[in-house]
Amino acid sequence: MIGVAAQVPHRAVAVGGAGDDPLQVARAQREIVDVLRPRLRSRILVGSKDATILLVLPDLPGLGDMLSRAARRPGMAAGTVIGLGEPRDRLGEAAASCREAVAALEAGRRAGLDRVVVPFDQVIADVMLIDNPLDARRLAARALQPLAGQGQLVDTVRAYLATGLSVRRTAERLEVHENTVSYRLRRVSSLLDLAGPEQLIRADLLLALRAVDLGLYAAP
């Protein structure tokens, strides 16, 4: 193709909005191209499907940072998400990067992200859950069923994990006394049949909570 450096590494960028407004996505495309244009020495290939636009371009040093700058520009509509696929050695192999970019975009949408870049390599676990929704729901149901109807306990578990298993910081985040956090964690440990709250770092529980975040399973 004329103007395309087919033998250099390429990667894909997927752009989508919170809704299905094609004008919003087209504006996002213009913002991205405006930021990238000074660094480009080859044409960008552009395609679209529904309200998602795909850009395939040469892999540039600092591409993620440039896309982040584009995402923060005033013309970028609220709810816009940019998915970034992994680079491939040559243009002919870029289809895999396109699939990754679209998957990263979907993960960002489901997580409720806004005007950010979502690299595929940072959301691989999310993509696995999204691509296997039945298994994700079964996993979440099994891991979280003992906490059904215990919203406070689930919130405490989330805060405890997010603060690096710190009772003090969990209490600060939830605006409760540290003794309350300790009591709730003992209750959780009992319901989940754990020796102690430090055992909450379990793959099935972490993935189950993430499935809830991605809208794949209703919170218990």
C-alpha atoms as a PDB file:
ATOM      1  CA  MET A   1       0.000   0.000   0.000  1.00  0.00           C
ATOM      2  CA  ILE A   2       1.293   3.419  -0.965  1.00  0.00           C
ATOM      3  CA  GLY A   3       2.510   5.448   1.985  1.00  0.00           C
ATOM      4  CA  VAL A   4       2.401   2.544   4.452  1.00  0.00           C
ATOM      5  CA  ALA A   5       5.630   1.172   5.953  1.00  0.00           C
ATOM      6  CA  ALA A   6       4.416  -2.422   5.951  1.00  0.00           C
ATOM      7  CA  GLN A   7       7.647  -3.984   7.273  1.00  0.00           C
ATOM      8  CA  VAL A   8       7.874  -2.013  10.536  1.00  0.00           C
ATOM      9  CA  PRO A   9       6.055  -2.909  13.775  1.00  0.00           C
ATOM     10  CA  HIS A  10       2.417  -1.825  13.864  1.00  0.00           C
ATOM     11  CA  ARG A  11      -0.226  -1.785  16.551  1.00  0.00           C
ATOM     12  CA  ALA A  12      -3.929  -1.040  16.734  1.00  0.00           C
ATOM     13  CA  VAL A  13      -5.925   1.594  18.578  1.00  0.00           C
ATOM     14  CA  ALA A  14      -9.677   1.164  19.150  1.00  0.00           C
ATOM     15  CA  VAL A  15     -11.779   4.219  19.991  1.00  0.00           C
ATOM     16  CA  GLY A  16     -15.306   4.116  21.356  1.00  0.00           C
ATOM     17  CA  GLY A  17     -17.699   6.100  23.503  1.00  0.00           C
ATOM     18  CA  ALA A  18     -20.054   5.346  26.335  1.00  0.00           C
ATOM     19  CA  GLY A  19     -22.979   5.320  23.887  1.00  0.00           C
ATOM     20  CA  ASP A  20     -23.349   4.723  20.171  1.00  0.00           C
ATOM     21  CA  ASP A  21     -22.801   8.287  18.933  1.00  0.00           C
ATOM     22  CA  PRO A  22     -20.643   8.052  15.774  1.00  0.00           C
ATOM     23  CA  LEU A  23     -19.995  11.816  15.821  1.00  0.00           C
ATOM     24  CA  GLN A  24     -18.491  11.551  19.292  1.00  0.00           C
ATOM     25  CA  VAL A  25     -16.159   8.790  18.145  1.00  0.00           C
ATOM     26  CA  ALA A  26     -15.229  10.696  14.974  1.00  0.00           C
ATOM     27  CA  ARG A  27     -14.244  13.709  17.092  1.00  0.00           C
ATOM     28  CA  ALA A  28     -12.122  11.434  19.263  1.00  0.00           C
ATOM     29  CA  GLN A  29     -10.395  10.115  16.139  1.00  0.00           C
ATOM     30  CA  ARG A  30      -9.542  13.655  15.036  1.00  0.00           C
ATOM     31  CA  GLU A  31      -8.101  14.496  18.447  1.00  0.00           C
ATOM     32  CA  ILE A  32      -5.907  11.393  18.356  1.00  0.00           C
ATOM     33  CA  VAL A  33      -4.665  12.012  14.818  1.00  0.00           C
ATOM     34  CA  ASP A  34      -3.887  15.656  15.646  1.00  0.00           C
ATOM     35  CA  VAL A  35      -1.664  14.552  18.535  1.00  0.00           C
ATOM     36  CA  LEU A  36       0.070  11.797  16.560  1.00  0.00           C
ATOM     37  CA  ARG A  37       0.535  13.605  13.226  1.00  0.00           C
ATOM     38  CA  PRO A  38       3.862  15.352  14.053  1.00  0.00           C
ATOM     39  CA  ARG A  39       5.462  11.967  14.823  1.00  0.00           C
ATOM     40  CA  LEU A  40       4.038   9.933  11.965  1.00  0.00           C
ATOM     41  CA  ARG A  41       6.124   8.991   8.940  1.00  0.00           C
ATOM     42  CA  SER A  42       3.582   6.576   7.516  1.00  0.00           C
ATOM     43  CA  ARG A  43      -0.140   6.544   6.824  1.00  0.00           C
ATOM     44  CA  ILE A  44      -2.685   5.498   9.438  1.00  0.00           C
ATOM     45  CA  LEU A  45      -5.112   2.808   8.318  1.00  0.00           C
ATOM     46  CA  VAL A  46      -8.650   3.515   9.529  1.00  0.00           C
ATOM     47  CA  GLY A  47     -11.628   1.192   9.792  1.00  0.00           C
ATOM     48  CA  SER A  48     -14.885   1.166  11.714  1.00  0.00           C
ATOM     49  CA  LYS A  49     -17.498  -1.198  13.032  1.00  0.00           C
ATOM     50  CA  ASP A  50     -20.725   0.109  14.529  1.00  0.00           C
ATOM     51  CA  ALA A  51     -19.615   2.969  16.812  1.00  0.00           C
ATOM     52  CA  THR A  52     -16.010   1.786  17.184  1.00  0.00           C
ATOM     53  CA  ILE A  53     -13.139   3.156  15.112  1.00  0.00           C
ATOM     54  CA  LEU A  54      -9.945   1.177  14.576  1.00  0.00           C
ATOM     55  CA  LEU A  55      -6.634   2.834  13.758  1.00  0.00           C
ATOM     56  CA  VAL A  56      -3.618   0.771  12.683  1.00  0.00           C
ATOM     57  CA  LEU A  57      -0.371   2.702  12.792  1.00  0.00           C
ATOM     58  CA  PRO A  58       3.379   2.208  13.159  1.00  0.00           C
ATOM     59  CA  ASP A  59       4.441   1.561  16.729  1.00  0.00           C
ATOM     60  CA  LEU A  60       5.870   4.823  18.066  1.00  0.00           C
ATOM     61  CA  PRO A  61       8.000   5.368  21.187  1.00  0.00           C
ATOM     62  CA  GLY A  62       5.767   6.865  23.845  1.00  0.00           C
ATOM     63  CA  LEU A  63       2.569   6.031  21.952  1.00  0.00           C
ATOM     64  CA  GLY A  64       0.654   5.346  25.162  1.00  0.00           C
ATOM     65  CA  ASP A  65       1.602   8.750  26.582  1.00  0.00           C
ATOM     66  CA  MET A  66       0.583  10.509  23.375  1.00  0.00           C
ATOM     67  CA  LEU A  67      -2.786   8.773  23.390  1.00  0.00           C
ATOM     68  CA  SER A  68      -3.261   9.759  27.032  1.00  0.00           C
ATOM     69  CA  ARG A  69      -2.667  13.391  26.081  1.00  0.00           C
ATOM     70  CA  ALA A  70      -5.238  13.063  23.320  1.00  0.00           C
ATOM     71  CA  ALA A  71      -7.723  11.534  25.762  1.00  0.00           C
ATOM     72  CA  ARG A  72      -7.462  14.608  28.001  1.00  0.00           C
ATOM     73  CA  ARG A  73      -8.008  17.166  25.234  1.00  0.00           C
ATOM     74  CA  PRO A  74     -11.128  19.355  25.541  1.00  0.00           C
ATOM     75  CA  GLY A  75     -12.633  17.947  22.361  1.00  0.00           C
ATOM     76  CA  MET A  76     -12.717  14.416  23.770  1.00  0.00           C
ATOM     77  CA  ALA A  77     -16.263  13.628  24.885  1.00  0.00           C
ATOM     78  CA  ALA A  78     -17.022  12.175  28.305  1.00  0.00           C
ATOM     79  CA  GLY A  79     -17.135   8.397  28.298  1.00  0.00           C
ATOM     80  CA  THR A  80     -14.610   7.973  25.497  1.00  0.00           C
ATOM     81  CA  VAL A  81     -12.242   5.026  25.952  1.00  0.00           C
ATOM     82  CA  ILE A  82      -9.137   4.201  23.915  1.00  0.00           C
ATOM     83  CA  GLY A  83      -8.052   0.560  23.699  1.00  0.00           C
ATOM     84  CA  LEU A  84      -4.430  -0.151  22.767  1.00  0.00           C
ATOM     85  CA  GLY A  85      -3.344  -3.476  21.275  1.00  0.00           C
ATOM     86  CA  GLU A  86       0.117  -4.995  21.529  1.00  0.00           C
ATOM     87  CA  PRO A  87       2.627  -4.251  18.729  1.00  0.00           C
ATOM     88  CA  ARG A  88       3.203  -6.770  15.945  1.00  0.00           C
ATOM     89  CA  ASP A  89       6.392  -7.074  13.916  1.00  0.00           C
ATOM     90  CA  ARG A  90       4.792  -6.103  10.610  1.00  0.00           C
ATOM     91  CA  LEU A  91       1.549  -4.748   9.223  1.00  0.00           C
ATOM     92  CA  GLY A  92       0.373  -8.132   7.961  1.00  0.00           C
ATOM     93  CA  GLU A  93       0.201  -9.404  11.545  1.00  0.00           C
ATOM     94  CA  ALA A  94      -1.780  -6.446  12.903  1.00  0.00           C
ATOM     95  CA  ALA A  95      -5.128  -8.271  12.954  1.00  0.00           C
ATOM     96  CA  ALA A  96      -4.236  -9.753  16.348  1.00  0.00           C
ATOM     97  CA  SER A  97      -3.462  -6.272  17.672  1.00  0.00           C
ATOM     98  CA  CYS A  98      -6.861  -5.104  16.387  1.00  0.00           C
ATOM     99  CA  ARG A  99      -8.615  -7.832  18.367  1.00  0.00           C
ATOM    100  CA  GLU A 100      -6.641  -6.872  21.466  1.00  0.00           C
ATOM    101  CA  ALA A 101      -7.445  -3.171  21.073  1.00  0.00           C
ATOM    102  CA  VAL A 102     -11.174  -3.871  20.760  1.00  0.00           C
ATOM    103  CA  ALA A 103     -11.052  -6.209  23.771  1.00  0.00           C
ATOM    104  CA  ALA A 104      -9.224  -3.576  25.843  1.00  0.00           C
ATOM    105  CA  LEU A 105     -11.796  -0.975  24.799  1.00  0.00           C
ATOM    106  CA  GLU A 106     -14.650  -3.224  25.927  1.00  0.00           C
ATOM    107  CA  ALA A 107     -12.938  -3.894  29.253  1.00  0.00           C
ATOM    108  CA  GLY A 108     -12.536  -0.155  29.805  1.00  0.00           C
ATOM    109  CA  ARG A 109     -16.168   0.498  28.948  1.00  0.00           C
ATOM    110  CA  ARG A 110     -17.426  -2.176  31.317  1.00  0.00           C
ATOM    111  CA  ALA A 111     -15.227  -0.814  34.096  1.00  0.00           C
ATOM    112  CA  GLY A 112     -16.773   2.635  33.605  1.00  0.00           C
ATOM    113  CA  LEU A 113     -13.510   4.327  32.633  1.00  0.00           C
ATOM    114  CA  ASP A 114     -13.596   7.803  31.142  1.00  0.00           C
ATOM    115  CA  ARG A 115     -11.179   9.425  28.693  1.00  0.00           C
ATOM    116  CA  VAL A 116      -8.327   7.046  29.409  1.00  0.00           C
ATOM    117  CA  VAL A 117      -6.093   4.684  27.452  1.00  0.00           C
ATOM    118  CA  VAL A 118      -6.506   0.989  28.257  1.00  0.00           C
ATOM    119  CA  PRO A 119      -3.501  -1.121  27.158  1.00  0.00           C
ATOM    120  CA  PHE A 120      -4.419  -4.732  26.462  1.00  0.00           C
ATOM    121  CA  ASP A 121      -1.596  -6.117  28.584  1.00  0.00           C
ATOM    122  CA  GLN A 122      -3.070  -4.420  31.661  1.00  0.00           C
ATOM    123  CA  VAL A 123      -6.564  -5.915  31.307  1.00  0.00           C
ATOM    124  CA  ILE A 124      -5.871  -9.482  30.211  1.00  0.00           C
ATOM    125  CA  ALA A 125      -7.681 -10.908  33.246  1.00  0.00           C
ATOM    126  CA  ASP A 126     -10.682  -8.652  32.533  1.00  0.00           C
ATOM    127  CA  VAL A 127     -10.741  -9.798  28.907  1.00  0.00           C
ATOM    128  CA  MET A 128     -10.669 -13.443  29.986  1.00  0.00           C
ATOM    129  CA  LEU A 129     -13.714 -12.842  32.196  1.00  0.00           C
ATOM    130  CA  ILE A 130     -15.589 -10.898  29.503  1.00  0.00           C
ATOM    131  CA  ASP A 131     -14.856 -13.552  26.876  1.00  0.00           C
ATOM    132  CA  ASN A 132     -16.137 -16.302  29.186  1.00  0.00           C
ATOM    133  CA  PRO A 133     -19.223 -14.767  30.842  1.00  0.00           C
ATOM    134  CA  LEU A 134     -20.834 -18.058  31.884  1.00  0.00           C
ATOM    135  CA  ASP A 135     -17.677 -19.237  33.622  1.00  0.00           C
ATOM    136  CA  ALA A 136     -17.237 -15.777  35.165  1.00  0.00           C
ATOM    137  CA  ARG A 137     -20.750 -15.898  36.633  1.00  0.00           C
ATOM    138  CA  ARG A 138     -20.249 -19.424  37.966  1.00  0.00           C
ATOM    139  CA  LEU A 139     -16.955 -18.443  39.551  1.00  0.00           C
ATOM    140  CA  ALA A 140     -18.435 -15.311  41.119  1.00  0.00           C
ATOM    141  CA  ALA A 141     -21.508 -17.133  42.398  1.00  0.00           C
ATOM    142  CA  ARG A 142     -19.413 -19.809  44.056  1.00  0.00           C
ATOM    143  CA  ALA A 143     -16.899 -17.395  45.603  1.00  0.00           C
ATOM    144  CA  LEU A 144     -19.375 -14.752  46.784  1.00  0.00           C
ATOM    145  CA  GLN A 145     -22.462 -16.806  47.675  1.00  0.00           C
ATOM    146  CA  PRO A 146     -21.467 -17.068  51.370  1.00  0.00           C
ATOM    147  CA  LEU A 147     -21.539 -13.250  51.506  1.00  0.00           C
ATOM    148  CA  ALA A 148     -25.001 -12.931  49.927  1.00  0.00           C
ATOM    149  CA  GLY A 149     -26.994 -10.166  51.579  1.00  0.00           C
ATOM    150  CA  GLN A 150     -23.909  -8.910  53.423  1.00  0.00           C
ATOM    151  CA  GLY A 151     -23.164  -5.719  51.510  1.00  0.00           C
ATOM    152  CA  GLN A 152     -21.180  -4.182  54.361  1.00  0.00           C
ATOM    153  CA  LEU A 153     -18.913  -7.199  54.490  1.00  0.00           C
ATOM    154  CA  VAL A 154     -18.300  -7.108  50.737  1.00  0.00           C
ATOM    155  CA  ASP A 155     -17.488  -3.387  50.928  1.00  0.00           C
ATOM    156  CA  THR A 156     -15.089  -4.093  53.777  1.00  0.00           C
ATOM    157  CA  VAL A 157     -13.353  -6.834  51.805  1.00  0.00           C
ATOM    158  CA  ARG A 158     -12.946  -4.499  48.826  1.00  0.00           C
ATOM    159  CA  ALA A 159     -11.500  -1.715  50.972  1.00  0.00           C
ATOM    160  CA  TYR A 160      -9.224  -4.129  52.836  1.00  0.00           C
ATOM    161  CA  LEU A 161      -7.796  -5.490  49.586  1.00  0.00           C
ATOM    162  CA  ALA A 162      -7.493  -2.019  48.036  1.00  0.00           C
ATOM    163  CA  THR A 163      -5.523  -0.707  51.021  1.00  0.00           C
ATOM    164  CA  GLY A 164      -2.983  -3.514  51.066  1.00  0.00           C
ATOM    165  CA  LEU A 165      -4.630  -5.447  53.927  1.00  0.00           C
ATOM    166  CA  SER A 166      -4.412  -2.454  56.265  1.00  0.00           C
ATOM    167  CA  VAL A 167      -7.085  -2.396  58.967  1.00  0.00           C
ATOM    168  CA  ARG A 168      -6.299   1.231  59.787  1.00  0.00           C
ATOM    169  CA  ARG A 169      -6.590   2.490  56.213  1.00  0.00           C
ATOM    170  CA  THR A 170      -9.681   0.362  55.644  1.00  0.00           C
ATOM    171  CA  ALA A 171     -11.299   2.022  58.654  1.00  0.00           C
ATOM    172  CA  GLU A 172     -10.341   5.458  57.322  1.00  0.00           C
ATOM    173  CA  ARG A 173     -11.749   4.676  53.888  1.00  0.00           C
ATOM    174  CA  LEU A 174     -15.028   3.342  55.274  1.00  0.00           C
ATOM    175  CA  GLU A 175     -15.180   5.977  58.044  1.00  0.00           C
ATOM    176  CA  VAL A 176     -15.679   3.400  60.781  1.00  0.00           C
ATOM    177  CA  HIS A 177     -13.685   2.345  63.850  1.00  0.00           C
ATOM    178  CA  GLU A 178     -10.797  -0.084  63.410  1.00  0.00           C
ATOM    179  CA  ASN A 179     -12.533  -2.508  65.783  1.00  0.00           C
ATOM    180  CA  THR A 180     -15.510  -2.540  63.421  1.00  0.00           C
ATOM    181  CA  VAL A 181     -13.246  -3.461  60.516  1.00  0.00           C
ATOM    182  CA  SER A 182     -11.579  -6.216  62.536  1.00  0.00           C
ATOM    183  CA  TYR A 183     -14.977  -7.623  63.529  1.00  0.00           C
ATOM    184  CA  ARG A 184     -16.225  -7.606  59.938  1.00  0.00           C
ATOM    185  CA  LEU A 185     -13.068  -9.311  58.709  1.00  0.00           C
ATOM    186  CA  ARG A 186     -13.487 -12.044  61.309  1.00  0.00           C
ATOM    187  CA  ARG A 187     -17.069 -12.517  60.081  1.00  0.00           C
ATOM    188  CA  VAL A 188     -15.881 -12.740  56.482  1.00  0.00           C
ATOM    189  CA  SER A 189     -13.182 -15.240  57.424  1.00  0.00           C
ATOM    190  CA  SER A 190     -15.770 -17.367  59.191  1.00  0.00           C
ATOM    191  CA  LEU A 191     -18.271 -17.251  56.313  1.00  0.00           C
ATOM    192  CA  LEU A 192     -15.595 -18.091  53.734  1.00  0.00           C
ATOM    193  CA  ASP A 193     -13.972 -20.713  55.965  1.00  0.00           C
ATOM    194  CA  LEU A 194     -10.610 -18.933  56.054  1.00  0.00           C
ATOM    195  CA  ALA A 195      -7.979 -19.147  58.763  1.00  0.00           C
ATOM    196  CA  GLY A 196      -7.709 -15.343  58.762  1.00  0.00           C
ATOM    197  CA  PRO A 197      -8.324 -12.229  56.642  1.00  0.00           C
ATOM    198  CA  GLU A 198      -4.842 -12.408  55.116  1.00  0.00           C
ATOM    199  CA  GLN A 199      -6.171 -15.386  53.129  1.00  0.00           C
ATOM    200  CA  LEU A 200      -8.571 -13.079  51.278  1.00  0.00           C
ATOM    201  CA  ILE A 201      -5.870 -12.743  48.615  1.00  0.00           C
ATOM    202  CA  ARG A 202      -7.311 -15.640  46.612  1.00  0.00           C
ATOM    203  CA  ALA A 203      -7.519 -15.796  42.849  1.00  0.00           C
ATOM    204  CA  ASP A 204     -11.152 -16.918  42.815  1.00  0.00           C
ATOM    205  CA  LEU A 205     -12.284 -14.133  45.148  1.00  0.00           C
ATOM    206  CA  LEU A 206     -10.328 -11.426  43.321  1.00  0.00           C
ATOM    207  CA  LEU A 207     -11.710 -12.564  39.961  1.00  0.00           C
ATOM    208  CA  ALA A 208     -15.223 -12.796  41.405  1.00  0.00           C
ATOM    209  CA  LEU A 209     -15.098  -9.211  42.652  1.00  0.00           C
ATOM    210  CA  ARG A 210     -13.757  -8.108  39.289  1.00  0.00           C
ATOM    211  CA  ALA A 211     -16.617  -9.903  37.528  1.00  0.00           C
ATOM    212  CA  VAL A 212     -18.988  -7.771  39.606  1.00  0.00           C
ATOM    213  CA  ASP A 213     -17.090  -4.607  38.611  1.00  0.00           C
ATOM    214  CA  LEU A 214     -17.400  -5.556  34.937  1.00  0.00           C
ATOM    215  CA  GLY A 215     -21.151  -6.107  35.186  1.00  0.00           C
ATOM    216  CA  LEU A 216     -20.880  -9.849  34.624  1.00  0.00           C
ATOM    217  CA  TYR A 217     -22.426 -10.771  37.979  1.00  0.00           C
ATOM    218  CA  ALA A 218     -24.784  -8.938  40.315  1.00  0.00           C
ATOM    219  CA  ALA A 219     -23.251  -8.040  43.661  1.00  0.00           C
ATOM    220  CA  PRO A 220     -24.485 -10.356  46.430  1.00  0.00           C
END
